[in-house]
Protein backbone atom coordinates (compact mmCIF):
# COMPACT_ATOMS: atom_id res chain seq x y z
CA MET A 1 119.25 -33.86 16.93
CA ALA A 2 116.84 -36.40 18.37
CA SER A 3 116.99 -38.83 21.21
CA SER A 4 114.61 -41.53 22.27
CA THR A 5 114.19 -43.40 25.52
CA GLY A 6 112.15 -46.45 26.33
CA SER A 7 110.68 -47.31 29.73
CA HIS A 8 113.72 -46.14 31.68
CA HIS A 9 112.83 -44.21 34.81
CA ASP A 10 115.14 -42.58 37.29
CA GLU A 11 115.15 -43.26 41.00
CA THR A 12 114.05 -39.75 41.90
CA THR A 13 110.92 -39.98 39.79
CA THR A 14 109.91 -43.28 41.37
CA ARG A 15 110.64 -42.17 44.93
CA ASP A 16 108.82 -38.85 44.55
CA ASP A 17 105.88 -40.60 42.98
CA THR A 18 105.29 -42.92 45.92
CA GLU A 19 105.15 -40.12 48.45
CA GLU A 20 101.57 -39.10 49.20
CA SER A 21 102.36 -35.48 48.53
CA ASP A 22 99.49 -33.08 49.08
CA ALA A 23 101.18 -30.33 47.12
CA ALA A 24 99.01 -28.48 44.63
CA SER A 25 101.92 -28.70 42.22
CA GLU A 26 101.99 -32.47 41.89
CA SER A 27 102.92 -33.43 38.35
CA ALA A 28 100.60 -35.05 35.85
CA LEU A 29 102.86 -38.11 35.96
CA GLN A 30 102.62 -38.42 39.76
CA THR A 31 98.85 -38.09 39.62
CA ALA A 32 98.49 -40.56 36.74
CA ARG A 33 100.61 -43.18 38.50
CA ARG A 34 98.67 -42.86 41.74
CA GLN A 35 95.40 -43.23 39.85
CA LEU A 36 96.77 -46.33 38.10
CA ARG A 37 97.72 -47.94 41.41
CA ARG A 38 94.37 -47.12 42.97
CA ALA A 39 92.48 -48.72 40.08
CA ALA A 40 94.78 -51.76 40.08
CA ASP A 41 93.95 -52.37 43.76
CA HIS A 42 90.33 -53.06 42.74
CA LEU A 43 91.17 -55.53 39.98
CA ASP A 44 92.63 -58.99 39.80
CA ILE A 45 95.18 -58.31 37.08
CA ASP A 46 98.77 -59.34 36.52
CA PRO A 47 101.02 -56.96 38.51
CA ASN A 48 103.54 -57.23 35.68
CA VAL A 49 101.02 -55.56 33.36
CA VAL A 50 100.56 -52.77 35.88
CA GLU A 51 104.33 -52.34 36.08
CA ARG A 52 104.52 -52.02 32.29
CA LEU A 53 101.75 -49.42 32.30
CA ASN A 54 103.60 -47.36 34.91
CA HIS A 55 106.06 -46.35 32.21
CA PRO A 56 105.80 -45.06 28.65
CA LYS A 57 106.76 -47.30 25.75
CA ARG A 58 109.09 -44.55 24.58
CA VAL A 59 109.70 -40.82 24.76
CA HIS A 60 111.12 -38.87 21.85
CA GLU A 61 112.96 -35.64 22.57
CA VAL A 62 113.87 -33.43 19.63
CA THR A 63 115.60 -30.14 19.01
CA VAL A 64 113.53 -27.67 17.00
CA PRO A 65 115.55 -24.76 15.59
CA ILE A 66 113.66 -22.00 13.77
CA GLU A 67 114.56 -18.74 12.15
CA ARG A 68 112.86 -15.81 13.86
CA ASP A 69 111.43 -12.95 11.86
CA ASP A 70 114.46 -10.82 12.69
CA GLY A 71 116.80 -13.38 11.12
CA SER A 72 118.09 -14.86 14.39
CA VAL A 73 117.86 -18.58 15.09
CA GLU A 74 116.26 -19.88 18.28
CA VAL A 75 116.25 -23.47 19.42
CA PHE A 76 113.31 -25.07 21.21
CA THR A 77 112.83 -28.55 22.70
CA GLY A 78 109.99 -30.80 21.58
CA TYR A 79 108.65 -34.08 22.95
CA ARG A 80 106.42 -36.95 21.94
CA ALA A 81 105.66 -39.41 24.73
CA GLN A 82 104.09 -42.65 23.52
CA HIS A 83 102.62 -44.48 26.49
CA ASP A 84 100.80 -47.58 25.25
CA SER A 85 99.55 -48.92 21.93
CA VAL A 86 98.19 -52.34 22.84
CA ARG A 87 94.67 -51.37 21.65
CA GLY A 88 95.69 -49.37 18.58
CA PRO A 89 97.78 -46.43 17.32
CA TYR A 90 98.99 -43.85 19.82
CA LYS A 91 96.62 -40.88 20.10
CA GLY A 92 96.98 -37.55 21.86
CA GLY A 93 97.45 -33.82 21.61
CA LEU A 94 100.42 -31.57 20.88
CA ARG A 95 100.74 -28.48 23.06
CA TYR A 96 102.79 -25.32 22.70
CA HIS A 97 103.42 -24.04 26.22
CA PRO A 98 106.50 -22.79 28.08
CA GLU A 99 106.10 -25.45 30.77
CA VAL A 100 105.97 -28.50 28.49
CA THR A 101 108.29 -31.15 29.96
CA ARG A 102 109.09 -34.78 29.39
CA ASP A 103 107.27 -35.94 32.53
CA GLU A 104 104.20 -33.82 31.80
CA CYS A 105 103.93 -35.44 28.37
CA VAL A 106 104.33 -38.91 29.91
CA GLY A 107 101.60 -38.27 32.50
CA LEU A 108 99.20 -36.79 29.96
CA GLY A 109 99.97 -39.66 27.60
CA MET A 110 98.93 -42.11 30.33
CA TRP A 111 95.65 -40.24 30.72
CA MET A 112 95.09 -40.56 26.98
CA THR A 113 95.53 -44.34 27.23
CA TRP A 114 92.80 -44.48 29.88
CA LYS A 115 90.58 -41.98 28.06
CA CYS A 116 90.62 -44.00 24.84
CA ALA A 117 90.05 -47.22 26.76
CA VAL A 118 87.10 -45.94 28.79
CA MET A 119 85.51 -44.76 25.53
CA ASP A 120 86.40 -48.15 23.98
CA LEU A 121 88.22 -46.49 21.07
CA PRO A 122 90.84 -48.51 19.15
CA PHE A 123 93.67 -46.18 20.20
CA GLY A 124 96.45 -46.03 22.75
CA GLY A 125 97.77 -42.95 24.49
CA ALA A 126 100.39 -40.33 23.66
CA LYS A 127 101.08 -36.66 24.28
CA GLY A 128 103.65 -34.18 23.07
CA GLY A 129 104.54 -30.61 22.47
CA VAL A 130 107.15 -27.91 22.31
CA ALA A 131 108.39 -25.87 25.28
CA VAL A 132 107.56 -22.44 23.87
CA ASP A 133 105.22 -19.56 24.64
CA PRO A 134 103.07 -19.32 21.49
CA LYS A 135 102.19 -15.71 22.37
CA ASP A 136 105.85 -14.82 21.72
CA LEU A 137 105.70 -16.14 18.14
CA SER A 138 104.34 -14.47 15.04
CA GLU A 139 102.07 -16.54 12.80
CA ALA A 140 104.96 -17.08 10.38
CA GLU A 141 107.23 -18.22 13.22
CA THR A 142 104.55 -20.58 14.52
CA GLU A 143 104.24 -22.10 11.06
CA ARG A 144 108.01 -22.58 10.75
CA LEU A 145 108.13 -24.13 14.23
CA THR A 146 105.28 -26.52 13.40
CA ARG A 147 106.76 -27.61 10.08
CA ARG A 148 110.19 -28.21 11.61
CA PHE A 149 108.69 -30.09 14.57
CA ALA A 150 106.66 -32.20 12.13
CA GLU A 151 109.86 -33.14 10.30
CA GLU A 152 111.65 -34.02 13.56
CA ILE A 153 108.90 -36.43 14.69
CA ARG A 154 107.86 -37.61 11.21
CA ASP A 155 109.35 -41.08 11.65
CA VAL A 156 107.31 -41.78 14.79
CA ILE A 157 103.86 -40.52 13.72
CA GLY A 158 101.42 -41.66 11.04
CA PRO A 159 97.75 -42.64 10.60
CA THR A 160 98.40 -46.20 11.80
CA VAL A 161 101.22 -45.33 14.22
CA ASP A 162 100.59 -42.15 16.22
CA ILE A 163 97.97 -39.49 15.46
CA PRO A 164 98.48 -36.03 17.04
CA ALA A 165 95.72 -33.48 17.66
CA PRO A 166 95.40 -29.91 18.96
CA ASP A 167 95.96 -29.09 22.62
CA MET A 168 96.91 -26.02 24.64
CA GLY A 169 98.47 -23.40 22.37
CA THR A 170 97.70 -25.27 19.15
CA ASP A 171 94.63 -25.24 16.92
CA PRO A 172 93.21 -26.52 13.60
CA GLN A 173 95.65 -24.34 11.65
CA THR A 174 98.58 -25.91 13.50
CA MET A 175 97.28 -29.35 12.53
CA ALA A 176 96.88 -28.20 8.91
CA TRP A 177 100.56 -27.17 8.77
CA LEU A 178 101.64 -30.41 10.43
CA MET A 179 99.57 -32.51 8.01
CA ASP A 180 100.95 -30.58 5.03
CA ALA A 181 104.56 -30.93 6.18
CA TYR A 182 104.09 -34.68 6.73
CA SER A 183 102.26 -35.13 3.42
CA MET A 184 104.91 -33.24 1.41
CA GLN A 185 107.61 -35.55 2.74
CA GLU A 186 105.50 -38.65 2.10
CA GLY A 187 104.72 -37.54 -1.45
CA GLU A 188 100.97 -37.98 -0.99
CA THR A 189 98.18 -36.28 0.94
CA VAL A 190 97.76 -38.08 4.27
CA PRO A 191 94.85 -36.43 6.11
CA GLY A 192 94.71 -39.18 8.75
CA VAL A 193 98.10 -38.29 10.25
CA VAL A 194 96.45 -35.72 12.54
CA THR A 195 92.96 -34.92 13.78
CA GLY A 196 91.47 -31.57 14.68
CA LYS A 197 92.14 -30.19 11.19
CA PRO A 198 89.92 -27.67 9.38
CA PRO A 199 87.05 -29.54 7.68
CA VAL A 200 88.14 -28.26 4.25
CA ILE A 201 91.18 -30.59 4.39
CA GLY A 202 89.62 -33.61 6.06
CA GLY A 203 88.73 -32.36 9.51
CA SER A 204 85.44 -33.30 11.14
CA GLU A 205 82.48 -31.04 11.72
CA GLY A 206 81.94 -30.61 15.46
CA ARG A 207 85.50 -31.45 16.51
CA ASP A 208 86.31 -28.12 18.18
CA ALA A 209 83.16 -28.15 20.30
CA ALA A 210 83.28 -31.87 21.14
CA PRO A 211 85.08 -31.80 24.55
CA GLY A 212 82.66 -29.17 25.85
CA ARG A 213 79.69 -31.05 24.42
CA SER A 214 80.73 -34.25 26.20
CA VAL A 215 81.18 -32.35 29.48
CA ALA A 216 77.61 -31.07 29.11
CA ILE A 217 76.26 -34.53 28.27
CA VAL A 218 77.96 -36.08 31.31
CA ALA A 219 76.82 -33.22 33.56
CA ARG A 220 73.25 -33.75 32.38
CA GLU A 221 73.45 -37.49 33.07
CA VAL A 222 74.98 -37.18 36.55
CA VAL A 223 72.39 -34.58 37.55
CA ALA A 224 69.64 -36.98 36.46
CA TYR A 225 71.40 -39.87 38.23
CA TYR A 226 71.09 -38.03 41.54
CA GLY A 227 67.41 -37.41 40.92
CA ARG A 228 67.53 -33.74 40.07
CA ALA A 229 65.93 -31.74 37.29
CA LEU A 230 68.31 -29.81 35.06
CA ALA A 231 65.90 -26.87 35.17
CA GLU A 232 66.49 -26.63 38.93
CA THR A 233 70.28 -26.99 38.70
CA THR A 234 72.81 -24.17 39.11
CA VAL A 235 76.21 -24.36 37.41
CA ALA A 236 79.53 -22.50 37.71
CA VAL A 237 82.19 -22.86 35.01
CA GLN A 238 85.85 -21.93 35.50
CA GLY A 239 87.43 -21.32 32.11
CA TYR A 240 85.48 -19.92 29.16
CA GLY A 241 87.54 -21.34 26.35
CA SER A 242 86.38 -24.01 23.95
CA VAL A 243 85.56 -26.60 26.63
CA GLY A 244 83.97 -24.37 29.26
CA ALA A 245 82.00 -22.15 26.89
CA ASN A 246 80.55 -25.01 24.86
CA ALA A 247 79.59 -26.88 28.04
CA ALA A 248 78.03 -23.77 29.59
CA ARG A 249 76.05 -22.85 26.48
CA LEU A 250 74.67 -26.37 26.00
CA LEU A 251 73.64 -26.70 29.64
CA ASP A 252 72.05 -23.25 29.39
CA GLU A 253 70.10 -24.37 26.30
CA TRP A 254 69.01 -27.55 28.08
CA GLY A 255 67.53 -25.55 30.96
CA ALA A 256 70.25 -25.35 33.62
CA THR A 257 71.01 -22.00 35.28
CA VAL A 258 74.62 -21.02 34.63
CA VAL A 259 75.33 -18.48 37.39
CA ALA A 260 79.09 -17.89 36.94
CA VAL A 261 81.76 -18.20 34.25
CA SER A 262 85.35 -16.97 34.20
CA ASP A 263 88.49 -16.57 32.14
CA VAL A 264 92.09 -15.94 33.20
CA ASN A 265 91.25 -12.48 34.62
CA GLY A 266 88.23 -13.50 36.69
CA GLY A 267 84.54 -14.08 36.22
CA VAL A 268 81.02 -12.70 36.16
CA TYR A 269 78.23 -13.82 38.47
CA ASP A 270 74.44 -13.60 38.34
CA PRO A 271 72.41 -15.77 40.75
CA ASP A 272 69.46 -15.55 38.35
CA GLY A 273 71.50 -16.97 35.47
CA LEU A 274 73.80 -15.57 32.81
CA ASP A 275 73.08 -15.33 29.09
CA THR A 276 75.96 -17.59 28.10
CA HIS A 277 75.60 -16.83 24.40
CA ALA A 278 76.10 -13.11 25.06
CA ILE A 279 79.41 -13.71 26.86
CA PRO A 280 82.33 -13.96 24.40
CA THR A 281 84.39 -17.13 24.46
CA HIS A 282 88.18 -16.95 24.50
CA ASP A 283 88.19 -17.55 20.74
CA GLU A 284 85.60 -14.86 20.08
CA GLU A 285 87.25 -12.23 22.27
CA PRO A 286 90.33 -13.23 24.31
CA GLU A 287 89.94 -12.33 27.99
CA GLY A 288 86.55 -10.77 27.27
CA VAL A 289 84.43 -12.31 30.06
CA LEU A 290 84.77 -9.40 32.50
CA GLY A 291 83.54 -7.03 29.80
CA HIS A 292 80.10 -8.65 30.03
CA ASP A 293 77.54 -6.67 32.01
CA ALA A 294 76.54 -8.76 35.04
CA PRO A 295 75.36 -8.00 38.60
CA GLY A 296 78.59 -9.24 40.14
CA THR A 297 82.14 -10.36 39.54
CA VAL A 298 84.00 -13.24 41.10
CA SER A 299 87.65 -14.30 41.26
CA ASN A 300 88.71 -17.63 39.83
CA ALA A 301 89.48 -18.87 43.35
CA ASP A 302 86.10 -17.80 44.73
CA LEU A 303 84.21 -19.26 41.76
CA LEU A 304 85.35 -22.73 42.83
CA GLU A 305 83.65 -22.20 46.19
CA LEU A 306 80.31 -20.79 45.01
CA ASP A 307 77.15 -22.38 46.39
CA VAL A 308 76.06 -24.14 43.19
CA ASP A 309 74.88 -27.64 42.33
CA VAL A 310 77.49 -28.36 39.64
CA LEU A 311 81.03 -27.03 39.40
CA ILE A 312 82.90 -27.41 36.09
CA PRO A 313 86.65 -26.63 36.34
CA ALA A 314 87.48 -26.25 32.63
CA ALA A 315 90.56 -24.02 32.67
CA VAL A 316 93.83 -25.54 33.89
CA GLY A 317 95.07 -28.37 36.09
CA ASN A 318 95.53 -28.49 39.87
CA VAL A 319 92.91 -25.86 40.80
CA LEU A 320 91.10 -28.05 43.32
CA THR A 321 93.63 -28.73 46.06
CA GLU A 322 93.76 -29.80 49.69
CA ALA A 323 93.71 -26.09 50.57
CA ASN A 324 90.28 -25.41 49.06
CA ALA A 325 88.57 -28.80 48.67
CA ASP A 326 86.75 -28.52 52.00
CA ARG A 327 85.24 -25.20 50.85
CA VAL A 328 83.83 -26.51 47.56
CA ALA A 329 80.09 -26.06 48.03
CA ALA A 330 78.97 -27.91 44.88
CA ASP A 331 77.61 -31.44 45.25
CA ILE A 332 78.87 -32.44 41.80
CA VAL A 333 82.18 -31.64 40.09
CA VAL A 334 82.51 -32.40 36.36
CA GLU A 335 86.11 -32.07 35.22
CA GLY A 336 86.39 -30.18 31.94
CA ALA A 337 90.13 -29.49 32.13
CA ASN A 338 92.76 -32.22 32.28
CA GLY A 339 93.78 -32.95 35.88
CA PRO A 340 92.04 -30.08 37.70
CA THR A 341 91.85 -32.03 40.98
CA THR A 342 94.93 -33.05 43.00
CA THR A 343 95.12 -36.43 44.71
CA ALA A 344 94.68 -34.83 48.14
CA ALA A 345 91.68 -32.80 47.00
CA ASP A 346 90.13 -35.92 45.50
CA ARG A 347 90.40 -37.64 48.88
CA VAL A 348 88.79 -34.69 50.69
CA LEU A 349 85.94 -34.44 48.18
CA ALA A 350 85.32 -38.20 48.39
CA GLU A 351 85.13 -38.01 52.19
CA ARG A 352 82.56 -35.21 51.81
CA ASP A 353 80.52 -37.30 49.32
CA VAL A 354 81.04 -34.79 46.53
CA ALA A 355 80.61 -36.63 43.22
CA VAL A 356 83.64 -35.96 41.00
CA ILE A 357 83.27 -37.06 37.38
CA PRO A 358 86.81 -37.43 36.03
CA ASP A 359 88.27 -35.70 33.00
CA ILE A 360 89.03 -38.94 31.17
CA LEU A 361 85.27 -39.54 30.89
CA ALA A 362 83.83 -36.02 30.94
CA ASN A 363 85.98 -34.35 28.29
CA ALA A 364 86.50 -37.46 26.16
CA GLY A 365 84.30 -35.99 23.43
CA GLY A 366 87.44 -34.53 21.88
CA VAL A 367 89.22 -37.80 21.28
CA THR A 368 85.93 -39.50 20.37
CA VAL A 369 85.24 -37.05 17.54
CA SER A 370 88.93 -37.29 16.62
CA TYR A 371 88.23 -41.00 16.13
CA PHE A 372 85.26 -40.09 13.92
CA GLU A 373 87.55 -37.74 11.96
CA TRP A 374 90.13 -40.50 11.53
CA LEU A 375 87.43 -42.84 10.20
CA GLN A 376 86.23 -40.15 7.78
CA ASP A 377 89.81 -39.62 6.55
CA ILE A 378 90.46 -43.33 6.03
CA ASN A 379 87.17 -43.78 4.17
CA ARG A 380 87.40 -40.42 2.38
CA ARG A 381 83.80 -39.72 3.33
CA ALA A 382 82.69 -36.78 5.46
CA TRP A 383 79.95 -36.94 8.08
CA SER A 384 77.33 -34.25 8.69
CA LEU A 385 77.40 -32.27 11.94
CA GLU A 386 74.10 -33.93 12.86
CA ARG A 387 75.64 -37.39 12.51
CA VAL A 388 78.69 -36.36 14.56
CA HIS A 389 76.41 -35.13 17.36
CA GLU A 390 74.28 -38.28 17.26
CA GLU A 391 77.29 -40.62 17.29
CA LEU A 392 78.98 -38.65 20.09
CA GLU A 393 75.83 -38.74 22.20
CA GLN A 394 75.61 -42.50 21.73
CA GLU A 395 79.29 -43.10 22.59
CA MET A 396 79.14 -40.88 25.70
CA LEU A 397 75.97 -42.57 26.99
CA THR A 398 77.47 -46.01 26.42
CA ALA A 399 80.63 -45.09 28.36
CA TRP A 400 78.56 -43.41 31.09
CA ASP A 401 76.44 -46.55 31.57
CA VAL A 402 79.49 -48.82 31.87
CA VAL A 403 81.09 -46.54 34.47
CA ARG A 404 77.81 -46.14 36.36
CA GLU A 405 77.48 -49.93 36.60
CA GLU A 406 80.95 -50.12 38.19
CA VAL A 407 80.07 -47.37 40.69
CA GLU A 408 76.97 -49.29 41.75
CA ALA A 409 78.56 -52.75 41.73
CA ARG A 410 81.74 -51.86 43.62
CA ASP A 411 80.67 -48.90 45.76
CA VAL A 412 83.61 -46.82 44.54
CA THR A 413 84.00 -43.21 43.46
CA TRP A 414 83.29 -42.10 39.91
CA ARG A 415 87.01 -41.66 39.28
CA GLU A 416 87.85 -45.12 40.60
CA ALA A 417 85.08 -46.67 38.52
CA THR A 418 86.27 -44.89 35.37
CA TYR A 419 89.84 -46.06 35.87
CA ILE A 420 88.67 -49.59 36.66
CA VAL A 421 86.85 -49.72 33.32
CA ALA A 422 89.85 -48.32 31.44
CA LEU A 423 92.52 -50.40 33.15
CA SER A 424 90.57 -53.64 32.85
CA ARG A 425 90.29 -53.13 29.07
CA VAL A 426 93.96 -52.25 28.62
CA ALA A 427 95.11 -55.10 30.88
CA GLU A 428 92.88 -57.60 29.08
CA ALA A 429 94.43 -56.54 25.77
CA HIS A 430 97.95 -56.92 27.17
CA GLU A 431 97.19 -60.36 28.55
CA ALA A 432 95.65 -61.43 25.23
CA ARG A 433 98.64 -60.24 23.20
CA GLY A 434 101.30 -61.38 25.67
CA LEU A 435 104.85 -60.07 26.02
CA TRP A 436 107.14 -60.05 22.99
CA PRO A 437 110.40 -61.86 23.90
């Protein structure tokens, strides 16, 4: 059973979205729409284009029944929200999480549109997933779920249509199953239908580490922008998964002093600097951070308020809120997670002149290397890890320079400048293509 909706939106969604709610629980969709409006206020663009971008092109909702290992059948709900494709095929992750909803996918899909545009990639934005707790599934059940979900959305994905990737609760193996299921139905191997695959079947070297690497690159650049030496910079990282750990380890290698890192259970703290390579990432040892021998421990809430130069929230969304934004002691916040800062917190931090580098720039290394992977799949030619790193560095620095120029020219925040760059590119493409009758 599958249903599909276009740009329909209900009255409640629109009304709730216009309220300047300061709740920490604001949805990704509410946040994304506010950010869109704020960027539009700085640009002379057709309001009709802005209205179109306020809504997804379409949202697919599917039923995903699977047989559990005990022989029972359980039914899950899956989504694929396709926001905008004016600049190229839809692009965005698939997540397996109990709180996956239609609106969350729409909001995250909007962010993907901006993320691809600010990086000047030839993609639009999408997001999807299944409302399920992956910890409750065996590996065999996860495979059956993925293959069935792939079949349910097969008609709306493809290497020139919509290209999924890993997200929360999914990984390269998930993408391998999805690619295989799609390829079996197509009757040919189609590696370009997803990115984030294992390299042995067309994935790119360096893809897993790319979001964390881009966070580190951006952190390095913003520290230099404010006239500081990385060797004299202290850093705290909330979340020691793929993004946080890779960012922390790179900054450590480049000379910064990483004084605190955490996972879901809390963190470790050493004012003289932690050995980031000795602390296990979530992949290496789930929830293993507190097992590391360090002078002190710190809660996830207190980590956000440590007296450091750079704070990297790289765990989950909505951790910087109106309730704690005035206690953030860092001068620079580099967003590793998607949506870690609420609208109200953003306002407080801006008033305090805290530089907040937004997620759609900072963690865009993931989708950028996904683009490299897509190119490798289309051309059937793999790149070396060294080339991936060189190309990513170049793309991140190019995007950083464009955003920096907007900050300086318009006297706006880093987030506003990033959205101005993204929205101007998407709007220009819409105006060039026009509206199909």
